[in-house]
C-alpha atoms as a PDB file:
ATOM      1  CA  UNK A   1      49.000 -28.242  33.678  1.00  0.00           C
ATOM      2  CA  UNK A   2      47.511 -24.622  33.140  1.00  0.00           C
ATOM      3  CA  UNK A   3      48.305 -24.532  29.766  1.00  0.00           C
ATOM      4  CA  UNK A   4      45.507 -25.680  27.384  1.00  0.00           C
ATOM      5  CA  UNK A   5      45.663 -23.460  24.180  1.00  0.00           C
ATOM      6  CA  UNK A   6      48.733 -23.336  21.639  1.00  0.00           C
ATOM      7  CA  UNK A   7      49.655 -21.562  18.726  1.00  0.00           C
ATOM      8  CA  UNK A   8      52.691 -22.442  16.459  1.00  0.00           C
ATOM      9  CA  UNK A   9      53.236 -20.111  13.651  1.00  0.00           C
ATOM     10  CA  UNK A  10      54.317 -22.074  10.650  1.00  0.00           C
ATOM     11  CA  UNK A  11      53.573 -24.616   8.703  1.00  0.00           C
ATOM     12  CA  UNK A  12      56.403 -26.072   7.174  1.00  0.00           C
ATOM     13  CA  UNK A  13      58.650 -28.879   8.861  1.00  0.00           C
ATOM     14  CA  UNK A  14      59.178 -27.933  12.266  1.00  0.00           C
ATOM     15  CA  UNK A  15      55.545 -26.188  12.410  1.00  0.00           C
ATOM     16  CA  UNK A  16      53.451 -29.038  11.501  1.00  0.00           C
ATOM     17  CA  UNK A  17      55.356 -31.256  13.503  1.00  0.00           C
ATOM     18  CA  UNK A  18      55.070 -29.145  16.783  1.00  0.00           C
ATOM     19  CA  UNK A  19      51.547 -28.852  16.317  1.00  0.00           C
ATOM     20  CA  UNK A  20      51.075 -32.325  15.405  1.00  0.00           C
ATOM     21  CA  UNK A  21      52.685 -33.209  18.865  1.00  0.00           C
ATOM     22  CA  UNK A  22      50.923 -30.509  20.673  1.00  0.00           C
ATOM     23  CA  UNK A  23      47.321 -32.424  19.329  1.00  0.00           C
ATOM     24  CA  UNK A  24      48.223 -35.426  20.477  1.00  0.00           C
ATOM     25  CA  UNK A  25      49.113 -34.265  23.878  1.00  0.00           C
ATOM     26  CA  UNK A  26      45.533 -33.137  24.470  1.00  0.00           C
ATOM     27  CA  UNK A  27      46.173 -29.641  24.057  1.00  0.00           C
ATOM     28  CA  UNK A  28      44.344 -27.022  21.393  1.00  0.00           C
ATOM     29  CA  UNK A  29      46.529 -26.432  19.001  1.00  0.00           C
ATOM     30  CA  UNK A  30      46.508 -23.649  16.599  1.00  0.00           C
ATOM     31  CA  UNK A  31      48.824 -23.520  13.489  1.00  0.00           C
ATOM     32  CA  UNK A  32      49.168 -20.293  11.998  1.00  0.00           C
ATOM     33  CA  UNK A  33      50.344 -20.157   7.914  1.00  0.00           C
ATOM     34  CA  UNK A  34      50.646 -16.932   5.806  1.00  0.00           C
ATOM     35  CA  UNK A  35      48.177 -18.324   2.612  1.00  0.00           C
ATOM     36  CA  UNK A  36      45.689 -21.052   2.206  1.00  0.00           C
ATOM     37  CA  UNK A  37      48.622 -22.965  -0.033  1.00  0.00           C
ATOM     38  CA  UNK A  38      50.587 -22.943   3.361  1.00  0.00           C
ATOM     39  CA  UNK A  39      48.153 -24.126   5.480  1.00  0.00           C
ATOM     40  CA  UNK A  40      47.186 -26.880   3.202  1.00  0.00           C
ATOM     41  CA  UNK A  41      50.508 -28.063   3.015  1.00  0.00           C
ATOM     42  CA  UNK A  42      50.983 -28.129   6.922  1.00  0.00           C
ATOM     43  CA  UNK A  43      47.843 -29.862   7.150  1.00  0.00           C
ATOM     44  CA  UNK A  44      48.583 -32.719   4.231  1.00  0.00           C
ATOM     45  CA  UNK A  45      51.985 -32.881   5.937  1.00  0.00           C
ATOM     46  CA  UNK A  46      49.859 -33.695   9.644  1.00  0.00           C
ATOM     47  CA  UNK A  47      47.853 -36.254   8.027  1.00  0.00           C
ATOM     48  CA  UNK A  48      50.761 -38.158   6.287  1.00  0.00           C
ATOM     49  CA  UNK A  49      52.604 -37.805   9.645  1.00  0.00           C
ATOM     50  CA  UNK A  50      49.224 -39.642  10.997  1.00  0.00           C
ATOM     51  CA  UNK A  51      48.598 -42.259   8.150  1.00  0.00           C
ATOM     52  CA  UNK A  52      52.320 -43.709   9.393  1.00  0.00           C
ATOM     53  CA  UNK A  53      51.790 -43.850  13.041  1.00  0.00           C
ATOM     54  CA  UNK A  54      48.379 -45.795  12.009  1.00  0.00           C
ATOM     55  CA  UNK A  55      50.632 -47.758   9.718  1.00  0.00           C
ATOM     56  CA  UNK A  56      53.222 -48.529  12.622  1.00  0.00           C
ATOM     57  CA  UNK A  57      50.055 -49.305  15.243  1.00  0.00           C
ATOM     58  CA  UNK A  58      50.588 -46.418  17.334  1.00  0.00           C
ATOM     59  CA  UNK A  59      47.354 -45.122  16.890  1.00  0.00           C
ATOM     60  CA  UNK A  60      44.081 -46.010  15.647  1.00  0.00           C
ATOM     61  CA  UNK A  61      41.427 -44.184  13.252  1.00  0.00           C
ATOM     62  CA  UNK A  62      39.386 -42.712  15.653  1.00  0.00           C
ATOM     63  CA  UNK A  63      42.728 -41.628  17.335  1.00  0.00           C
ATOM     64  CA  UNK A  64      43.250 -39.867  14.295  1.00  0.00           C
ATOM     65  CA  UNK A  65      40.074 -38.077  14.053  1.00  0.00           C
ATOM     66  CA  UNK A  66      39.818 -37.038  17.724  1.00  0.00           C
ATOM     67  CA  UNK A  67      43.627 -35.278  17.010  1.00  0.00           C
ATOM     68  CA  UNK A  68      42.756 -33.467  13.965  1.00  0.00           C
ATOM     69  CA  UNK A  69      39.827 -32.042  15.871  1.00  0.00           C
ATOM     70  CA  UNK A  70      41.939 -30.246  17.959  1.00  0.00           C
ATOM     71  CA  UNK A  71      44.008 -28.274  15.169  1.00  0.00           C
ATOM     72  CA  UNK A  72      42.735 -25.116  13.183  1.00  0.00           C
ATOM     73  CA  UNK A  73      44.647 -23.139  10.955  1.00  0.00           C
ATOM     74  CA  UNK A  74      44.446 -19.377  10.915  1.00  0.00           C
ATOM     75  CA  UNK A  75      45.959 -16.565   8.555  1.00  0.00           C
ATOM     76  CA  UNK A  76      46.700 -13.535  10.522  1.00  0.00           C
ATOM     77  CA  UNK A  77      48.583 -13.372  13.898  1.00  0.00           C
ATOM     78  CA  UNK A  78      45.901 -11.704  15.550  1.00  0.00           C
ATOM     79  CA  UNK A  79      44.110 -15.149  15.159  1.00  0.00           C
ATOM     80  CA  UNK A  80      47.113 -17.383  16.474  1.00  0.00           C
ATOM     81  CA  UNK A  81      47.637 -14.813  19.495  1.00  0.00           C
ATOM     82  CA  UNK A  82      43.624 -15.164  20.601  1.00  0.00           C
ATOM     83  CA  UNK A  83      43.249 -16.896  23.384  1.00  0.00           C
ATOM     84  CA  UNK A  84      46.541 -18.601  23.564  1.00  0.00           C
ATOM     85  CA  UNK A  85      48.509 -19.316  26.663  1.00  0.00           C
ATOM     86  CA  UNK A  86      51.705 -20.117  24.837  1.00  0.00           C
ATOM     87  CA  UNK A  87      53.071 -19.498  21.507  1.00  0.00           C
ATOM     88  CA  UNK A  88      55.793 -21.282  19.562  1.00  0.00           C
ATOM     89  CA  UNK A  89      57.293 -19.021  16.344  1.00  0.00           C
ATOM     90  CA  UNK A  90      59.133 -21.642  13.968  1.00  0.00           C
ATOM     91  CA  UNK A  91      58.661 -19.159  11.097  1.00  0.00           C
ATOM     92  CA  UNK A  92      62.417 -18.562   8.654  1.00  0.00           C
ATOM     93  CA  UNK A  93      65.470 -18.583  10.277  1.00  0.00           C
ATOM     94  CA  UNK A  94      66.224 -14.732   9.928  1.00  0.00           C
ATOM     95  CA  UNK A  95      66.747 -12.422  12.859  1.00  0.00           C
ATOM     96  CA  UNK A  96      64.692  -9.542  11.365  1.00  0.00           C
ATOM     97  CA  UNK A  97      61.868 -11.776  11.149  1.00  0.00           C
ATOM     98  CA  UNK A  98      61.361 -13.219  14.161  1.00  0.00           C
ATOM     99  CA  UNK A  99      61.775  -9.823  15.436  1.00  0.00           C
ATOM    100  CA  UNK A 100      58.738  -8.590  13.645  1.00  0.00           C
ATOM    101  CA  UNK A 101      56.327 -10.940  15.019  1.00  0.00           C
ATOM    102  CA  UNK A 102      57.826 -11.117  18.409  1.00  0.00           C
ATOM    103  CA  UNK A 103      57.244  -7.121  18.615  1.00  0.00           C
ATOM    104  CA  UNK A 104      53.607  -7.603  17.086  1.00  0.00           C
ATOM    105  CA  UNK A 105      53.102 -10.775  19.296  1.00  0.00           C
ATOM    106  CA  UNK A 106      54.379  -8.744  22.673  1.00  0.00           C
ATOM    107  CA  UNK A 107      52.084  -6.135  21.740  1.00  0.00           C
ATOM    108  CA  UNK A 108      48.875  -8.748  20.985  1.00  0.00           C
ATOM    109  CA  UNK A 109      49.281 -11.159  24.272  1.00  0.00           C
ATOM    110  CA  UNK A 110      49.119 -10.469  27.811  1.00  0.00           C
ATOM    111  CA  UNK A 111      51.879 -10.027  30.012  1.00  0.00           C
ATOM    112  CA  UNK A 112      51.658 -13.849  31.094  1.00  0.00           C
ATOM    113  CA  UNK A 113      51.745 -15.970  27.658  1.00  0.00           C
ATOM    114  CA  UNK A 114      55.194 -17.143  26.841  1.00  0.00           C
ATOM    115  CA  UNK A 115      56.540 -16.280  23.314  1.00  0.00           C
ATOM    116  CA  UNK A 116      58.911 -19.007  22.821  1.00  0.00           C
ATOM    117  CA  UNK A 117      60.915 -19.227  19.474  1.00  0.00           C
ATOM    118  CA  UNK A 118      61.736 -22.876  17.762  1.00  0.00           C
ATOM    119  CA  UNK A 119      65.264 -21.075  16.212  1.00  0.00           C
ATOM    120  CA  UNK A 120      67.900 -23.334  15.888  1.00  0.00           C
ATOM    121  CA  UNK A 121      70.369 -20.853  16.918  1.00  0.00           C
ATOM    122  CA  UNK A 122      69.230 -17.556  17.065  1.00  0.00           C
ATOM    123  CA  UNK A 123      70.160 -15.033  20.370  1.00  0.00           C
ATOM    124  CA  UNK A 124      66.931 -14.766  22.203  1.00  0.00           C
ATOM    125  CA  UNK A 125      67.985 -11.881  23.730  1.00  0.00           C
ATOM    126  CA  UNK A 126      68.562  -9.921  20.412  1.00  0.00           C
ATOM    127  CA  UNK A 127      64.504 -11.435  19.303  1.00  0.00           C
ATOM    128  CA  UNK A 128      63.718 -10.254  22.559  1.00  0.00           C
ATOM    129  CA  UNK A 129      65.008  -6.555  22.528  1.00  0.00           C
ATOM    130  CA  UNK A 130      62.122  -4.822  20.187  1.00  0.00           C
ATOM    131  CA  UNK A 131      59.735  -7.051  23.414  1.00  0.00           C
ATOM    132  CA  UNK A 132      58.587  -4.659  26.084  1.00  0.00           C
ATOM    133  CA  UNK A 133      58.158  -7.914  27.892  1.00  0.00           C
ATOM    134  CA  UNK A 134      61.762  -9.549  27.278  1.00  0.00           C
ATOM    135  CA  UNK A 135      61.087 -11.725  30.466  1.00  0.00           C
ATOM    136  CA  UNK A 136      58.454 -14.150  28.586  1.00  0.00           C
ATOM    137  CA  UNK A 137      60.825 -15.061  25.369  1.00  0.00           C
ATOM    138  CA  UNK A 138      62.444 -17.499  25.396  1.00  0.00           C
ATOM    139  CA  UNK A 139      63.965 -20.253  23.027  1.00  0.00           C
ATOM    140  CA  UNK A 140      62.107 -23.947  22.496  1.00  0.00           C
ATOM    141  CA  UNK A 141      64.505 -26.047  19.782  1.00  0.00           C
ATOM    142  CA  UNK A 142      62.791 -28.781  18.956  1.00  0.00           C
ATOM    143  CA  UNK A 143      64.677 -31.515  16.415  1.00  0.00           C
ATOM    144  CA  UNK A 144      63.683 -32.767  13.323  1.00  0.00           C
ATOM    145  CA  UNK A 145      61.383 -34.315  13.006  1.00  0.00           C
ATOM    146  CA  UNK A 146      59.519 -32.893  16.304  1.00  0.00           C
ATOM    147  CA  UNK A 147      56.658 -35.652  16.294  1.00  0.00           C
ATOM    148  CA  UNK A 148      59.325 -38.273  16.750  1.00  0.00           C
ATOM    149  CA  UNK A 149      62.363 -36.609  18.383  1.00  0.00           C
ATOM    150  CA  UNK A 150      62.089 -35.667  21.988  1.00  0.00           C
ATOM    151  CA  UNK A 151      64.909 -33.251  22.232  1.00  0.00           C
ATOM    152  CA  UNK A 152      63.812 -29.845  23.218  1.00  0.00           C
ATOM    153  CA  UNK A 153      66.480 -27.199  24.383  1.00  0.00           C
ATOM    154  CA  UNK A 154      65.433 -24.253  26.422  1.00  0.00           C
ATOM    155  CA  UNK A 155      67.269 -20.980  25.874  1.00  0.00           C
ATOM    156  CA  UNK A 156      66.846 -18.304  28.405  1.00  0.00           C
ATOM    157  CA  UNK A 157      67.883 -14.862  27.085  1.00  0.00           C
ATOM    158  CA  UNK A 158      69.419 -12.412  28.481  1.00  0.00           C
ATOM    159  CA  UNK A 159      66.293 -10.969  30.889  1.00  0.00           C
ATOM    160  CA  UNK A 160      64.539 -14.077  30.725  1.00  0.00           C
ATOM    161  CA  UNK A 161      62.764 -15.568  34.132  1.00  0.00           C
ATOM    162  CA  UNK A 162      63.550 -18.092  35.746  1.00  0.00           C
ATOM    163  CA  UNK A 163      59.706 -18.610  35.908  1.00  0.00           C
ATOM    164  CA  UNK A 164      59.608 -18.454  31.901  1.00  0.00           C
ATOM    165  CA  UNK A 165      62.250 -21.508  31.851  1.00  0.00           C
ATOM    166  CA  UNK A 166      59.874 -23.589  34.156  1.00  0.00           C
ATOM    167  CA  UNK A 167      56.645 -23.187  32.692  1.00  0.00           C
ATOM    168  CA  UNK A 168      58.427 -23.908  29.356  1.00  0.00           C
ATOM    169  CA  UNK A 169      60.163 -27.091  30.447  1.00  0.00           C
ATOM    170  CA  UNK A 170      56.540 -28.084  32.302  1.00  0.00           C
ATOM    171  CA  UNK A 171      54.717 -27.592  28.887  1.00  0.00           C
ATOM    172  CA  UNK A 172      57.828 -29.469  26.973  1.00  0.00           C
ATOM    173  CA  UNK A 173      57.269 -32.477  28.972  1.00  0.00           C
ATOM    174  CA  UNK A 174      53.583 -32.606  29.034  1.00  0.00           C
ATOM    175  CA  UNK A 175      53.886 -32.894  25.596  1.00  0.00           C
ATOM    176  CA  UNK A 176      56.062 -35.814  26.161  1.00  0.00           C
ATOM    177  CA  UNK A 177      59.419 -34.565  24.964  1.00  0.00           C
ATOM    178  CA  UNK A 178      62.454 -34.356  27.097  1.00  0.00           C
ATOM    179  CA  UNK A 179      63.410 -30.573  27.719  1.00  0.00           C
ATOM    180  CA  UNK A 180      67.298 -30.024  27.577  1.00  0.00           C
ATOM    181  CA  UNK A 181      67.646 -26.546  30.011  1.00  0.00           C
ATOM    182  CA  UNK A 182      70.527 -24.260  29.026  1.00  0.00           C
ATOM    183  CA  UNK A 183      72.324 -22.075  32.059  1.00  0.00           C
ATOM    184  CA  UNK A 184      72.826 -19.104  29.402  1.00  0.00           C
ATOM    185  CA  UNK A 185      72.765 -18.820  25.768  1.00  0.00           C
ATOM    186  CA  UNK A 186      75.538 -19.489  23.428  1.00  0.00           C
ATOM    187  CA  UNK A 187      75.868 -19.885  19.436  1.00  0.00           C
ATOM    188  CA  UNK A 188      74.010 -22.673  18.216  1.00  0.00           C
ATOM    189  CA  UNK A 189      73.104 -23.933  21.734  1.00  0.00           C
ATOM    190  CA  UNK A 190      74.432 -27.827  22.380  1.00  0.00           C
ATOM    191  CA  UNK A 191      72.534 -29.687  19.690  1.00  0.00           C
ATOM    192  CA  UNK A 192      74.020 -27.898  16.702  1.00  0.00           C
ATOM    193  CA  UNK A 193      77.647 -27.122  17.741  1.00  0.00           C
ATOM    194  CA  UNK A 194      78.008 -30.578  18.582  1.00  0.00           C
ATOM    195  CA  UNK A 195      76.155 -31.510  15.168  1.00  0.00           C
ATOM    196  CA  UNK A 196      78.289 -29.686  12.963  1.00  0.00           C
ATOM    197  CA  UNK A 197      81.251 -30.362  15.044  1.00  0.00           C
ATOM    198  CA  UNK A 198      80.780 -33.973  13.917  1.00  0.00           C
ATOM    199  CA  UNK A 199      79.433 -32.766  10.478  1.00  0.00           C
ATOM    200  CA  UNK A 200      83.028 -31.043  10.191  1.00  0.00           C
ATOM    201  CA  UNK A 201      85.172 -33.923  11.018  1.00  0.00           C
ATOM    202  CA  UNK A 202      82.969 -36.435   8.512  1.00  0.00           C
ATOM    203  CA  UNK A 203      83.249 -33.922   5.622  1.00  0.00           C
ATOM    204  CA  UNK A 204      86.785 -33.647   6.074  1.00  0.00           C
ATOM    205  CA  UNK A 205      87.556 -37.290   5.790  1.00  0.00           C
ATOM    206  CA  UNK A 206      85.811 -37.749   3.118  1.00  0.00           C
ATOM    207  CA  UNK A 207      87.383 -33.977   1.422  1.00  0.00           C
ATOM    208  CA  UNK A 208      90.716 -35.686   2.318  1.00  0.00           C
ATOM    209  CA  UNK A 209      90.068 -38.870   0.581  1.00  0.00           C
ATOM    210  CA  UNK A 210      90.797 -41.408   3.500  1.00  0.00           C
ATOM    211  CA  UNK A 211      87.070 -42.680   2.756  1.00  0.00           C
ATOM    212  CA  UNK A 212      83.735 -42.264   1.099  1.00  0.00           C
ATOM    213  CA  UNK A 213      80.697 -40.674   2.497  1.00  0.00           C
ATOM    214  CA  UNK A 214      78.837 -44.054   2.774  1.00  0.00           C
ATOM    215  CA  UNK A 215      81.792 -45.197   4.884  1.00  0.00           C
ATOM    216  CA  UNK A 216      81.731 -42.321   7.087  1.00  0.00           C
ATOM    217  CA  UNK A 217      77.865 -42.829   7.357  1.00  0.00           C
ATOM    218  CA  UNK A 218      78.358 -46.282   8.299  1.00  0.00           C
ATOM    219  CA  UNK A 219      81.009 -45.969  11.296  1.00  0.00           C
ATOM    220  CA  UNK A 220      78.772 -43.537  13.001  1.00  0.00           C
ATOM    221  CA  UNK A 221      75.472 -45.666  12.959  1.00  0.00           C
ATOM    222  CA  UNK A 222      77.424 -49.042  14.268  1.00  0.00           C
ATOM    223  CA  UNK A 223      80.006 -47.452  16.145  1.00  0.00           C
ATOM    224  CA  UNK A 224      78.959 -43.883  17.791  1.00  0.00           C
ATOM    225  CA  UNK A 225      75.412 -44.248  16.800  1.00  0.00           C
ATOM    226  CA  UNK A 226      74.748 -47.048  18.786  1.00  0.00           C
ATOM    227  CA  UNK A 227      76.125 -46.262  22.185  1.00  0.00           C
ATOM    228  CA  UNK A 228      74.628 -42.649  22.207  1.00  0.00           C
ATOM    229  CA  UNK A 229      71.166 -43.398  23.019  1.00  0.00           C
ATOM    230  CA  UNK A 230      72.559 -45.076  25.935  1.00  0.00           C
ATOM    231  CA  UNK A 231      75.841 -42.636  26.975  1.00  0.00           C
ATOM    232  CA  UNK A 232      76.519 -39.372  25.874  1.00  0.00           C
ATOM    233  CA  UNK A 233      79.898 -38.160  25.014  1.00  0.00           C
ATOM    234  CA  UNK A 234      80.779 -36.899  28.460  1.00  0.00           C
ATOM    235  CA  UNK A 235      79.253 -40.288  30.323  1.00  0.00           C
ATOM    236  CA  UNK A 236      80.931 -42.502  27.493  1.00  0.00           C
ATOM    237  CA  UNK A 237      84.449 -40.887  28.284  1.00  0.00           C
ATOM    238  CA  UNK A 238      83.721 -41.411  32.454  1.00  0.00           C
ATOM    239  CA  UNK A 239      82.812 -44.831  31.488  1.00  0.00           C
ATOM    240  CA  UNK A 240      85.841 -45.083  28.879  1.00  0.00           C
ATOM    241  CA  UNK A 241      88.074 -43.658  31.574  1.00  0.00           C
ATOM    242  CA  UNK A 242      89.360 -40.332  31.521  1.00  0.00           C
ATOM    243  CA  UNK A 243      92.888 -40.887  31.241  1.00  0.00           C
ATOM    244  CA  UNK A 244      92.476 -42.603  28.168  1.00  0.00           C
ATOM    245  CA  UNK A 245      90.372 -39.966  26.324  1.00  0.00           C
ATOM    246  CA  UNK A 246      93.318 -37.723  27.884  1.00  0.00           C
ATOM    247  CA  UNK A 247      96.288 -39.361  26.163  1.00  0.00           C
ATOM    248  CA  UNK A 248      94.069 -39.921  22.831  1.00  0.00           C
ATOM    249  CA  UNK A 249      93.450 -36.430  22.754  1.00  0.00           C
ATOM    250  CA  UNK A 250      97.070 -36.067  23.535  1.00  0.00           C
ATOM    251  CA  UNK A 251      98.188 -36.473  19.620  1.00  0.00           C
ATOM    252  CA  UNK A 252      94.609 -36.783  18.015  1.00  0.00           C
ATOM    253  CA  UNK A 253      93.023 -32.992  18.691  1.00  0.00           C
ATOM    254  CA  UNK A 254      96.269 -31.551  16.443  1.00  0.00           C
ATOM    255  CA  UNK A 255      95.071 -33.780  13.478  1.00  0.00           C
ATOM    256  CA  UNK A 256      91.250 -32.672  14.059  1.00  0.00           C
ATOM    257  CA  UNK A 257      89.926 -30.310  11.420  1.00  0.00           C
ATOM    258  CA  UNK A 258      89.682 -26.651  13.031  1.00  0.00           C
ATOM    259  CA  UNK A 259      88.613 -25.041   9.588  1.00  0.00           C
ATOM    260  CA  UNK A 260      86.798 -21.855  10.418  1.00  0.00           C
ATOM    261  CA  UNK A 261      84.835 -21.880   7.173  1.00  0.00           C
ATOM    262  CA  UNK A 262      82.209 -23.818   5.424  1.00  0.00           C
ATOM    263  CA  UNK A 263      83.752 -26.724   3.509  1.00  0.00           C
ATOM    264  CA  UNK A 264      84.299 -26.145  -0.579  1.00  0.00           C
ATOM    265  CA  UNK A 265      83.111 -29.538  -1.285  1.00  0.00           C
ATOM    266  CA  UNK A 266      79.805 -28.516   0.182  1.00  0.00           C
ATOM    267  CA  UNK A 267      79.669 -25.244  -1.570  1.00  0.00           C
ATOM    268  CA  UNK A 268      80.846 -26.903  -4.919  1.00  0.00           C
ATOM    269  CA  UNK A 269      77.472 -29.472  -4.713  1.00  0.00           C
ATOM    270  CA  UNK A 270      75.043 -26.468  -3.485  1.00  0.00           C
ATOM    271  CA  UNK A 271      76.545 -24.954  -6.175  1.00  0.00           C
ATOM    272  CA  UNK A 272      75.669 -27.728  -8.972  1.00  0.00           C
ATOM    273  CA  UNK A 273      72.313 -27.667  -7.394  1.00  0.00           C
ATOM    274  CA  UNK A 274      73.195 -31.088  -5.439  1.00  0.00           C
ATOM    275  CA  UNK A 275      71.232 -30.006  -2.019  1.00  0.00           C
ATOM    276  CA  UNK A 276      70.421 -33.690  -0.641  1.00  0.00           C
ATOM    277  CA  UNK A 277      67.599 -35.450  -0.738  1.00  0.00           C
ATOM    278  CA  UNK A 278      65.105 -32.725  -1.778  1.00  0.00           C
ATOM    279  CA  UNK A 279      66.552 -32.414  -5.305  1.00  0.00           C
ATOM    280  CA  UNK A 280      67.358 -36.323  -5.699  1.00  0.00           C
ATOM    281  CA  UNK A 281      71.323 -35.755  -5.216  1.00  0.00           C
ATOM    282  CA  UNK A 282      73.710 -34.526  -2.429  1.00  0.00           C
ATOM    283  CA  UNK A 283      76.703 -37.022  -1.169  1.00  0.00           C
ATOM    284  CA  UNK A 284      74.024 -39.836  -2.454  1.00  0.00           C
ATOM    285  CA  UNK A 285      71.429 -40.617  -5.094  1.00  0.00           C
ATOM    286  CA  UNK A 286      68.065 -39.773  -3.535  1.00  0.00           C
ATOM    287  CA  UNK A 287      65.233 -41.840  -5.941  1.00  0.00           C
ATOM    288  CA  UNK A 288      61.658 -41.212  -4.551  1.00  0.00           C
ATOM    289  CA  UNK A 289      61.698 -44.636  -3.661  1.00  0.00           C
ATOM    290  CA  UNK A 290      65.039 -44.563  -1.993  1.00  0.00           C
ATOM    291  CA  UNK A 291      63.980 -41.530   0.505  1.00  0.00           C
ATOM    292  CA  UNK A 292      60.554 -43.246   1.791  1.00  0.00           C
ATOM    293  CA  UNK A 293      62.399 -46.387   2.370  1.00  0.00           C
ATOM    294  CA  UNK A 294      64.821 -44.387   4.673  1.00  0.00           C
ATOM    295  CA  UNK A 295      61.939 -42.565   6.005  1.00  0.00           C
ATOM    296  CA  UNK A 296      60.134 -45.462   7.134  1.00  0.00           C
ATOM    297  CA  UNK A 297      63.074 -46.925   8.195  1.00  0.00           C
ATOM    298  CA  UNK A 298      64.148 -43.878  10.724  1.00  0.00           C
ATOM    299  CA  UNK A 299      60.383 -43.377  11.952  1.00  0.00           C
ATOM    300  CA  UNK A 300      60.599 -47.111  13.153  1.00  0.00           C
ATOM    301  CA  UNK A 301      63.246 -46.911  14.783  1.00  0.00           C
ATOM    302  CA  UNK A 302      62.512 -43.835  16.496  1.00  0.00           C
ATOM    303  CA  UNK A 303      59.412 -45.435  17.302  1.00  0.00           C
ATOM    304  CA  UNK A 304      61.274 -47.822  18.862  1.00  0.00           C
ATOM    305  CA  UNK A 305      62.942 -45.441  21.071  1.00  0.00           C
ATOM    306  CA  UNK A 306      59.999 -43.572  22.139  1.00  0.00           C
ATOM    307  CA  UNK A 307      58.429 -46.590  23.063  1.00  0.00           C
ATOM    308  CA  UNK A 308      61.446 -47.137  25.381  1.00  0.00           C
ATOM    309  CA  UNK A 309      61.437 -43.860  26.770  1.00  0.00           C
ATOM    310  CA  UNK A 310      57.981 -44.272  27.958  1.00  0.00           C
ATOM    311  CA  UNK A 311      58.770 -47.269  29.706  1.00  0.00           C
END
């Protein structure tokens, strides 16, 4: 692969994770943050992730140091663009912010440098409108946590070239991820459309008083969650029998939630400051120990699947 130097704009959950994944694959990774404090948070998060991987026996200390040696932090877009073969923007989920950065990157980078955005649903066509070379703008949507989840959605804009899609897919697969290429863009792409449809129905079941949050989650964990790593919804329908699923849909579709606005239940929690694990309370109560335990459990399971993917 010709790409050797990759730059990632952003030091948050996604930015630092993409940086780490890139460096672990052998690429030279430049991580852009606006301030020293931002870069410090990014490097602290990278070190924490590496410590967890070392604890799980996934790398030794010499690997640890070798990976870190391939990562550098910068505070200007000019430094991030310098010598970059490929750039992934992972900044605020705000169209105007992204357009500003892409306009500047388009001016700084030679025409053969691909400019990817890690947006979870914004239009690549609208982002590319401010560039002179919209053919090299594409979505590369990593999933959280990007160092452990293999999925990356590749989404072309209206003027994205096929070559850009192919080179992006090559990079994604080089760093050990599973690329899913869309034919054309749509709001939310594939993953978030499925995720939000599932969340909407889960919230509806709780709102109607049919089951408590923990029971809804257990139904997913011990039912669909056990099957989905092997068969997605369309393959599950094939294997279960399309006639069976058709018959179920004939009476159940009319009963499913079809809200067009976000849930009042969620809005009420947000207004009370119950934002989830980061605030200690959401649908569940979260102590520091509870969160660390669940994160460790998630890491162990995701590492198991990563090993299985590579077998």
